[in-house]
Amino acid sequence: PEILHGALYDTTIYSNVLGNSRTIRVYTPPMYNPDGPDSFEVAVFHDGLDWINFSHANNALDYLIFNSHIRPLIAIFVPPVNRDAEYIGDQQDPFAEFLTTELLPYIDAKYKTQKRPESRANIGISNGGNIALWILHKYPQEFGNAASFSGNIQSTTSSAFENGSLQSPRLYIDAGTYDLSGFLVLTRNFRQILQAKSYAHSYNEWHEGHSWGSWGAHLDNALEFFFPGNPVGLPEEQELPGSFVLMQMSRAT
């Protein structure tokens, strides 16, 4: 059967916190009905438009939803305005505040969303991986899931997770064995913090580099960890457990 496609909508939103505007793109799944009874989980993609332009994330969502690999969800593709400052610099906290106190309420008011933290995820690559983790740390009452692909995980973020305490987060982290210098080490070190905290997480190392080819190819791993569906032939009891999960493709040293 032909795969059904979701819809994409562009919206420009102004931030009073940051004093700037950006155009976000919203994906709604094929079965979305604004007048229907169903509400949907939410995934926020940092470097949002790049996820669509370079990795065709909307098509990946279509496929995963159509084949019941993940539950239907709404995706919010958020581009940066001042990327380094917002993701790893002095605008980290204002950006996190914008996303949580301005953008998220707008999305919740306009679309039929589920509003529990376990129903929301932040997803990012490289510097965007850092801000995805940071938002989970800063606003655990709003977001319960975060994914960092080849993350440039800052020491402030690692320290926050090491010294803080979260209720029941779920995290996906990965990196390439041919990644940018230091990024694999940052990811391995962050994994040790998650292990020490006994936080539920999925960890992967791929024999790949720092590229959209890698991140797009493994987006399904993160989405299936956060929002597992029930593909035909997969019994419910084979879904990922809610406790600690480790998936490692190559030996970490």
C-alpha atoms as a PDB file:
ATOM      1  CA  PRO A   1       0.000   0.000   0.000  1.00  0.00           C
ATOM      2  CA  GLU A   2       1.046   3.575  -0.614  1.00  0.00           C
ATOM      3  CA  ILE A   3       2.518   5.370   2.385  1.00  0.00           C
ATOM      4  CA  LEU A   4       0.312   8.201   3.604  1.00  0.00           C
ATOM      5  CA  HIS A   5       1.959  11.591   4.023  1.00  0.00           C
ATOM      6  CA  GLY A   6       1.588  14.087   6.828  1.00  0.00           C
ATOM      7  CA  ALA A   7       1.136  17.816   6.294  1.00  0.00           C
ATOM      8  CA  LEU A   8       3.675  20.619   6.769  1.00  0.00           C
ATOM      9  CA  TYR A   9       2.767  24.134   7.902  1.00  0.00           C
ATOM     10  CA  ASP A  10       5.057  27.166   8.217  1.00  0.00           C
ATOM     11  CA  THR A  11       4.469  29.698  10.980  1.00  0.00           C
ATOM     12  CA  THR A  12       6.514  32.749  11.949  1.00  0.00           C
ATOM     13  CA  ILE A  13       6.680  33.294  15.684  1.00  0.00           C
ATOM     14  CA  TYR A  14       8.110  36.279  17.553  1.00  0.00           C
ATOM     15  CA  SER A  15       9.934  35.809  20.853  1.00  0.00           C
ATOM     16  CA  ASN A  16       9.655  38.495  23.500  1.00  0.00           C
ATOM     17  CA  VAL A  17      12.378  36.700  25.454  1.00  0.00           C
ATOM     18  CA  LEU A  18      14.911  36.738  22.605  1.00  0.00           C
ATOM     19  CA  GLY A  19      13.632  39.778  20.736  1.00  0.00           C
ATOM     20  CA  ASN A  20      13.613  38.048  17.353  1.00  0.00           C
ATOM     21  CA  SER A  21      11.429  36.072  14.957  1.00  0.00           C
ATOM     22  CA  ARG A  22      11.862  32.714  13.278  1.00  0.00           C
ATOM     23  CA  THR A  23       9.776  30.593  10.944  1.00  0.00           C
ATOM     24  CA  ILE A  24       9.055  27.146  12.313  1.00  0.00           C
ATOM     25  CA  ARG A  25       7.648  24.219  10.356  1.00  0.00           C
ATOM     26  CA  VAL A  26       5.020  21.962  11.913  1.00  0.00           C
ATOM     27  CA  TYR A  27       4.399  18.372  10.811  1.00  0.00           C
ATOM     28  CA  THR A  28       1.037  16.782  11.538  1.00  0.00           C
ATOM     29  CA  PRO A  29       0.551  13.043  10.919  1.00  0.00           C
ATOM     30  CA  PRO A  30      -1.772  11.769   8.174  1.00  0.00           C
ATOM     31  CA  MET A  31      -4.539  10.872  10.624  1.00  0.00           C
ATOM     32  CA  TYR A  32      -4.503  14.277  12.329  1.00  0.00           C
ATOM     33  CA  ASN A  33      -7.968  15.781  12.685  1.00  0.00           C
ATOM     34  CA  PRO A  34      -8.271  19.142  14.454  1.00  0.00           C
ATOM     35  CA  ASP A  35     -11.890  18.322  15.247  1.00  0.00           C
ATOM     36  CA  GLY A  36     -11.265  14.719  16.251  1.00  0.00           C
ATOM     37  CA  PRO A  37     -10.883  13.212  19.718  1.00  0.00           C
ATOM     38  CA  ASP A  38      -7.234  12.157  19.408  1.00  0.00           C
ATOM     39  CA  SER A  39      -4.292  14.139  20.763  1.00  0.00           C
ATOM     40  CA  PHE A  40      -0.679  13.548  19.786  1.00  0.00           C
ATOM     41  CA  GLU A  41       2.788  13.429  21.278  1.00  0.00           C
ATOM     42  CA  VAL A  42       5.310  16.104  20.276  1.00  0.00           C
ATOM     43  CA  ALA A  43       8.908  16.003  19.026  1.00  0.00           C
ATOM     44  CA  VAL A  44      10.879  19.259  18.766  1.00  0.00           C
ATOM     45  CA  PHE A  45      13.743  19.232  16.244  1.00  0.00           C
ATOM     46  CA  HIS A  46      16.555  21.757  16.675  1.00  0.00           C
ATOM     47  CA  ASP A  47      18.295  22.862  13.455  1.00  0.00           C
ATOM     48  CA  GLY A  48      14.768  22.088  12.356  1.00  0.00           C
ATOM     49  CA  LEU A  49      14.721  22.936   8.661  1.00  0.00           C
ATOM     50  CA  ASP A  50      18.037  21.137   8.132  1.00  0.00           C
ATOM     51  CA  TRP A  51      16.388  17.953   9.387  1.00  0.00           C
ATOM     52  CA  ILE A  52      13.925  18.290   6.518  1.00  0.00           C
ATOM     53  CA  ASN A  53      16.306  19.580   3.841  1.00  0.00           C
ATOM     54  CA  PHE A  54      19.211  17.205   4.486  1.00  0.00           C
ATOM     55  CA  SER A  55      17.622  14.136   6.098  1.00  0.00           C
ATOM     56  CA  HIS A  56      13.997  14.270   4.891  1.00  0.00           C
ATOM     57  CA  ALA A  57      12.795  13.784   8.455  1.00  0.00           C
ATOM     58  CA  ASN A  58       9.177  14.346   7.418  1.00  0.00           C
ATOM     59  CA  ASN A  59       9.389  11.366   5.063  1.00  0.00           C
ATOM     60  CA  ALA A  60      10.961   9.284   7.827  1.00  0.00           C
ATOM     61  CA  LEU A  61       8.048  10.190  10.093  1.00  0.00           C
ATOM     62  CA  ASP A  62       5.586   9.189   7.370  1.00  0.00           C
ATOM     63  CA  TYR A  63       7.252   5.781   7.025  1.00  0.00           C
ATOM     64  CA  LEU A  64       7.629   5.081  10.733  1.00  0.00           C
ATOM     65  CA  ILE A  65       4.040   6.079  11.501  1.00  0.00           C
ATOM     66  CA  PHE A  66       2.567   4.223   8.510  1.00  0.00           C
ATOM     67  CA  ASN A  67       4.342   1.003   9.523  1.00  0.00           C
ATOM     68  CA  SER A  68       3.497   1.457  13.222  1.00  0.00           C
ATOM     69  CA  HIS A  69       7.159   1.619  14.247  1.00  0.00           C
ATOM     70  CA  ILE A  70       6.267   4.739  16.244  1.00  0.00           C
ATOM     71  CA  ARG A  71       3.059   6.232  17.544  1.00  0.00           C
ATOM     72  CA  PRO A  72       1.662   9.128  15.479  1.00  0.00           C
ATOM     73  CA  LEU A  73       3.148  12.426  16.599  1.00  0.00           C
ATOM     74  CA  ILE A  74       3.381  16.124  15.822  1.00  0.00           C
ATOM     75  CA  ALA A  75       6.868  17.392  14.963  1.00  0.00           C
ATOM     76  CA  ILE A  76       8.039  20.979  15.432  1.00  0.00           C
ATOM     77  CA  PHE A  77      11.052  21.908  13.289  1.00  0.00           C
ATOM     78  CA  VAL A  78      12.702  24.939  14.897  1.00  0.00           C
ATOM     79  CA  PRO A  79      15.583  26.733  13.121  1.00  0.00           C
ATOM     80  CA  PRO A  80      18.138  28.755  15.079  1.00  0.00           C
ATOM     81  CA  VAL A  81      18.598  32.500  14.677  1.00  0.00           C
ATOM     82  CA  ASN A  82      21.946  32.764  16.489  1.00  0.00           C
ATOM     83  CA  ARG A  83      22.966  29.119  16.440  1.00  0.00           C
ATOM     84  CA  ASP A  84      26.099  28.955  18.584  1.00  0.00           C
ATOM     85  CA  ALA A  85      24.802  31.468  21.122  1.00  0.00           C
ATOM     86  CA  GLU A  86      21.433  29.708  21.447  1.00  0.00           C
ATOM     87  CA  TYR A  87      22.740  26.148  21.508  1.00  0.00           C
ATOM     88  CA  ILE A  88      26.045  26.346  23.415  1.00  0.00           C
ATOM     89  CA  GLY A  89      26.521  30.009  24.365  1.00  0.00           C
ATOM     90  CA  ASP A  90      25.159  32.862  26.409  1.00  0.00           C
ATOM     91  CA  GLN A  91      21.645  32.610  24.920  1.00  0.00           C
ATOM     92  CA  GLN A  92      21.129  29.002  26.023  1.00  0.00           C
ATOM     93  CA  ASP A  93      18.841  29.904  28.918  1.00  0.00           C
ATOM     94  CA  PRO A  94      16.830  32.548  27.009  1.00  0.00           C
ATOM     95  CA  PHE A  95      16.404  30.124  24.100  1.00  0.00           C
ATOM     96  CA  ALA A  96      15.240  27.371  26.453  1.00  0.00           C
ATOM     97  CA  GLU A  97      12.814  29.852  28.010  1.00  0.00           C
ATOM     98  CA  PHE A  98      11.510  30.891  24.582  1.00  0.00           C
ATOM     99  CA  LEU A  99      10.962  27.314  23.513  1.00  0.00           C
ATOM    100  CA  THR A 100       9.241  26.282  26.730  1.00  0.00           C
ATOM    101  CA  THR A 101       7.259  29.377  27.727  1.00  0.00           C
ATOM    102  CA  GLU A 102       6.451  30.907  24.319  1.00  0.00           C
ATOM    103  CA  LEU A 103       6.652  28.330  21.531  1.00  0.00           C
ATOM    104  CA  LEU A 104       5.295  25.326  23.416  1.00  0.00           C
ATOM    105  CA  PRO A 105       2.146  27.104  24.688  1.00  0.00           C
ATOM    106  CA  TYR A 106       1.523  28.373  21.148  1.00  0.00           C
ATOM    107  CA  ILE A 107       1.758  24.833  19.758  1.00  0.00           C
ATOM    108  CA  ASP A 108      -0.424  23.430  22.535  1.00  0.00           C
ATOM    109  CA  ALA A 109      -3.096  26.058  21.846  1.00  0.00           C
ATOM    110  CA  LYS A 110      -3.087  25.600  18.067  1.00  0.00           C
ATOM    111  CA  TYR A 111      -2.732  21.813  17.779  1.00  0.00           C
ATOM    112  CA  LYS A 112      -4.165  18.773  19.550  1.00  0.00           C
ATOM    113  CA  THR A 113      -1.134  17.854  21.637  1.00  0.00           C
ATOM    114  CA  GLN A 114      -0.491  15.691  24.663  1.00  0.00           C
ATOM    115  CA  LYS A 115       0.923  17.871  27.414  1.00  0.00           C
ATOM    116  CA  ARG A 116       2.676  15.404  29.704  1.00  0.00           C
ATOM    117  CA  PRO A 117       6.505  15.565  29.845  1.00  0.00           C
ATOM    118  CA  GLU A 118       6.782  11.908  28.847  1.00  0.00           C
ATOM    119  CA  SER A 119       4.861  12.791  25.669  1.00  0.00           C
ATOM    120  CA  ARG A 120       7.404  15.407  24.544  1.00  0.00           C
ATOM    121  CA  ALA A 121      10.956  15.131  23.209  1.00  0.00           C
ATOM    122  CA  ASN A 122      13.755  17.475  22.168  1.00  0.00           C
ATOM    123  CA  ILE A 123      16.025  16.236  19.376  1.00  0.00           C
ATOM    124  CA  GLY A 124      19.292  17.805  18.243  1.00  0.00           C
ATOM    125  CA  ILE A 125      22.574  17.204  16.432  1.00  0.00           C
ATOM    126  CA  SER A 126      26.022  18.548  17.300  1.00  0.00           C
ATOM    127  CA  ASN A 127      25.469  21.870  19.123  1.00  0.00           C
ATOM    128  CA  GLY A 128      21.743  21.158  18.901  1.00  0.00           C
ATOM    129  CA  GLY A 129      22.294  17.984  20.896  1.00  0.00           C
ATOM    130  CA  ASN A 130      23.574  20.112  23.745  1.00  0.00           C
ATOM    131  CA  ILE A 131      20.526  22.382  23.810  1.00  0.00           C
ATOM    132  CA  ALA A 132      18.183  19.374  23.634  1.00  0.00           C
ATOM    133  CA  LEU A 133      19.799  17.965  26.770  1.00  0.00           C
ATOM    134  CA  TRP A 134      19.909  21.377  28.459  1.00  0.00           C
ATOM    135  CA  ILE A 135      16.184  21.965  27.961  1.00  0.00           C
ATOM    136  CA  LEU A 136      15.427  18.561  29.488  1.00  0.00           C
ATOM    137  CA  HIS A 137      17.515  19.540  32.525  1.00  0.00           C
ATOM    138  CA  LYS A 138      15.989  23.028  32.854  1.00  0.00           C
ATOM    139  CA  TYR A 139      12.345  22.146  32.196  1.00  0.00           C
ATOM    140  CA  PRO A 140      11.712  18.523  33.236  1.00  0.00           C
ATOM    141  CA  GLN A 141       8.102  19.409  34.030  1.00  0.00           C
ATOM    142  CA  GLU A 142       7.592  20.077  30.301  1.00  0.00           C
ATOM    143  CA  PHE A 143       9.974  17.646  28.555  1.00  0.00           C
ATOM    144  CA  GLY A 144      10.734  14.068  29.559  1.00  0.00           C
ATOM    145  CA  ASN A 145      12.804  12.940  26.554  1.00  0.00           C
ATOM    146  CA  ALA A 146      15.914  14.237  24.795  1.00  0.00           C
ATOM    147  CA  ALA A 147      18.115  12.986  21.950  1.00  0.00           C
ATOM    148  CA  SER A 148      21.680  14.071  21.200  1.00  0.00           C
ATOM    149  CA  PHE A 149      23.215  12.931  17.914  1.00  0.00           C
ATOM    150  CA  SER A 150      26.997  13.564  17.855  1.00  0.00           C
ATOM    151  CA  GLY A 151      26.375  16.102  20.582  1.00  0.00           C
ATOM    152  CA  ASN A 152      28.751  18.910  21.464  1.00  0.00           C
ATOM    153  CA  ILE A 153      27.852  18.317  25.105  1.00  0.00           C
ATOM    154  CA  GLN A 154      29.129  21.236  27.149  1.00  0.00           C
ATOM    155  CA  SER A 155      30.676  20.857  30.601  1.00  0.00           C
ATOM    156  CA  THR A 156      27.834  22.920  32.087  1.00  0.00           C
ATOM    157  CA  THR A 157      25.332  20.416  30.707  1.00  0.00           C
ATOM    158  CA  SER A 158      27.268  17.392  31.932  1.00  0.00           C
ATOM    159  CA  SER A 159      27.679  18.953  35.375  1.00  0.00           C
ATOM    160  CA  ALA A 160      23.987  19.795  35.551  1.00  0.00           C
ATOM    161  CA  PHE A 161      23.052  16.164  34.914  1.00  0.00           C
ATOM    162  CA  GLU A 162      25.741  14.866  37.259  1.00  0.00           C
ATOM    163  CA  ASN A 163      24.733  17.102  40.156  1.00  0.00           C
ATOM    164  CA  GLY A 164      20.999  17.302  39.522  1.00  0.00           C
ATOM    165  CA  SER A 165      18.159  14.847  39.870  1.00  0.00           C
ATOM    166  CA  LEU A 166      15.442  14.158  37.314  1.00  0.00           C
ATOM    167  CA  GLN A 167      12.308  12.120  37.945  1.00  0.00           C
ATOM    168  CA  SER A 168      12.292   9.643  35.055  1.00  0.00           C
ATOM    169  CA  PRO A 169      13.979  11.021  31.926  1.00  0.00           C
ATOM    170  CA  ARG A 170      14.604   9.003  28.786  1.00  0.00           C
ATOM    171  CA  LEU A 171      17.635   9.898  26.706  1.00  0.00           C
ATOM    172  CA  TYR A 172      19.018   8.810  23.357  1.00  0.00           C
ATOM    173  CA  ILE A 173      22.697   9.568  22.739  1.00  0.00           C
ATOM    174  CA  ASP A 174      25.010   8.511  19.944  1.00  0.00           C
ATOM    175  CA  ALA A 175      28.206   9.498  18.160  1.00  0.00           C
ATOM    176  CA  GLY A 176      30.372   8.312  15.291  1.00  0.00           C
ATOM    177  CA  THR A 177      33.730   6.635  15.746  1.00  0.00           C
ATOM    178  CA  TYR A 178      34.906   9.018  12.992  1.00  0.00           C
ATOM    179  CA  ASP A 179      33.172  12.011  14.568  1.00  0.00           C
ATOM    180  CA  LEU A 180      34.676  15.456  15.083  1.00  0.00           C
ATOM    181  CA  SER A 181      37.607  15.534  17.484  1.00  0.00           C
ATOM    182  CA  GLY A 182      36.412  15.238  21.053  1.00  0.00           C
ATOM    183  CA  PHE A 183      32.720  14.674  20.344  1.00  0.00           C
ATOM    184  CA  LEU A 184      32.918  10.905  20.831  1.00  0.00           C
ATOM    185  CA  VAL A 185      34.726  11.428  24.144  1.00  0.00           C
ATOM    186  CA  LEU A 186      32.081  13.939  25.263  1.00  0.00           C
ATOM    187  CA  THR A 187      29.338  11.448  24.444  1.00  0.00           C
ATOM    188  CA  ARG A 188      31.078   8.552  26.196  1.00  0.00           C
ATOM    189  CA  ASN A 189      31.646  10.667  29.289  1.00  0.00           C
ATOM    190  CA  PHE A 190      28.015  11.773  29.315  1.00  0.00           C
ATOM    191  CA  ARG A 191      26.907   8.167  29.022  1.00  0.00           C
ATOM    192  CA  GLN A 192      28.843   7.378  32.212  1.00  0.00           C
ATOM    193  CA  ILE A 193      26.845  10.058  34.016  1.00  0.00           C
ATOM    194  CA  LEU A 194      23.582   8.538  32.786  1.00  0.00           C
ATOM    195  CA  GLN A 195      24.720   5.104  33.938  1.00  0.00           C
ATOM    196  CA  ALA A 196      25.652   6.438  37.387  1.00  0.00           C
ATOM    197  CA  LYS A 197      22.219   8.071  37.657  1.00  0.00           C
ATOM    198  CA  SER A 198      20.459   4.940  36.373  1.00  0.00           C
ATOM    199  CA  TYR A 199      18.576   7.087  33.877  1.00  0.00           C
ATOM    200  CA  ALA A 200      16.806   5.184  31.105  1.00  0.00           C
ATOM    201  CA  HIS A 201      18.832   5.703  27.962  1.00  0.00           C
ATOM    202  CA  SER A 202      19.778   4.237  24.615  1.00  0.00           C
ATOM    203  CA  TYR A 203      23.428   4.542  23.573  1.00  0.00           C
ATOM    204  CA  ASN A 204      24.965   3.905  20.158  1.00  0.00           C
ATOM    205  CA  GLU A 205      28.317   4.310  18.483  1.00  0.00           C
ATOM    206  CA  TRP A 206      28.377   4.070  14.710  1.00  0.00           C
ATOM    207  CA  HIS A 207      31.358   3.601  12.392  1.00  0.00           C
ATOM    208  CA  GLU A 208      30.440   6.890  10.762  1.00  0.00           C
ATOM    209  CA  GLY A 209      31.350  10.575  10.841  1.00  0.00           C
ATOM    210  CA  HIS A 210      29.785  13.912  11.742  1.00  0.00           C
ATOM    211  CA  SER A 211      27.190  14.079   8.986  1.00  0.00           C
ATOM    212  CA  TRP A 212      23.526  14.331   8.143  1.00  0.00           C
ATOM    213  CA  GLY A 213      23.819  10.958   6.447  1.00  0.00           C
ATOM    214  CA  SER A 214      24.484   9.377   9.820  1.00  0.00           C
ATOM    215  CA  TRP A 215      21.962  11.389  11.812  1.00  0.00           C
ATOM    216  CA  GLY A 216      19.159  10.855   9.331  1.00  0.00           C
ATOM    217  CA  ALA A 217      19.893   7.134   9.091  1.00  0.00           C
ATOM    218  CA  HIS A 218      19.510   6.699  12.844  1.00  0.00           C
ATOM    219  CA  LEU A 219      16.639   9.048  13.596  1.00  0.00           C
ATOM    220  CA  ASP A 220      14.385   6.010  13.820  1.00  0.00           C
ATOM    221  CA  ASN A 221      16.410   4.669  16.754  1.00  0.00           C
ATOM    222  CA  ALA A 222      15.615   7.734  18.843  1.00  0.00           C
ATOM    223  CA  LEU A 223      11.965   7.995  17.825  1.00  0.00           C
ATOM    224  CA  GLU A 224      11.323   4.299  18.437  1.00  0.00           C
ATOM    225  CA  PHE A 225      12.913   4.625  21.874  1.00  0.00           C
ATOM    226  CA  PHE A 226      10.719   7.577  22.865  1.00  0.00           C
ATOM    227  CA  PHE A 227       7.482   6.741  21.044  1.00  0.00           C
ATOM    228  CA  PRO A 228       7.474   2.989  20.329  1.00  0.00           C
ATOM    229  CA  GLY A 229       4.664   1.663  18.193  1.00  0.00           C
ATOM    230  CA  ASN A 230       3.603  -1.911  17.697  1.00  0.00           C
ATOM    231  CA  PRO A 231       4.505  -3.124  14.197  1.00  0.00           C
ATOM    232  CA  VAL A 232       2.579  -6.093  12.859  1.00  0.00           C
ATOM    233  CA  GLY A 233       4.098  -9.255  14.265  1.00  0.00           C
ATOM    234  CA  LEU A 234       5.789  -7.555  17.248  1.00  0.00           C
ATOM    235  CA  PRO A 235       4.100  -8.515  20.511  1.00  0.00           C
ATOM    236  CA  GLU A 236       3.546  -5.757  23.018  1.00  0.00           C
ATOM    237  CA  GLU A 237       5.939  -7.348  25.520  1.00  0.00           C
ATOM    238  CA  GLN A 238       8.849  -6.883  23.111  1.00  0.00           C
ATOM    239  CA  GLU A 239       8.643  -3.108  23.281  1.00  0.00           C
ATOM    240  CA  LEU A 240      11.537  -1.285  24.926  1.00  0.00           C
ATOM    241  CA  PRO A 241      11.426  -1.417  28.727  1.00  0.00           C
ATOM    242  CA  GLY A 242      11.048   1.696  30.789  1.00  0.00           C
ATOM    243  CA  SER A 243      14.255   1.035  32.716  1.00  0.00           C
ATOM    244  CA  PHE A 244      17.880   1.394  31.643  1.00  0.00           C
ATOM    245  CA  VAL A 245      18.553   0.333  28.056  1.00  0.00           C
ATOM    246  CA  LEU A 246      21.959   0.095  26.380  1.00  0.00           C
ATOM    247  CA  MET A 247      22.483  -0.412  22.670  1.00  0.00           C
ATOM    248  CA  GLN A 248      26.124  -0.215  21.602  1.00  0.00           C
ATOM    249  CA  MET A 249      27.388  -0.997  18.128  1.00  0.00           C
ATOM    250  CA  SER A 250      31.117  -0.850  18.856  1.00  0.00           C
ATOM    251  CA  ARG A 251      33.260  -1.224  21.914  1.00  0.00           C
ATOM    252  CA  ALA A 252      33.786   1.909  23.963  1.00  0.00           C
ATOM    253  CA  THR A 253      37.175   2.423  25.547  1.00  0.00           C
END
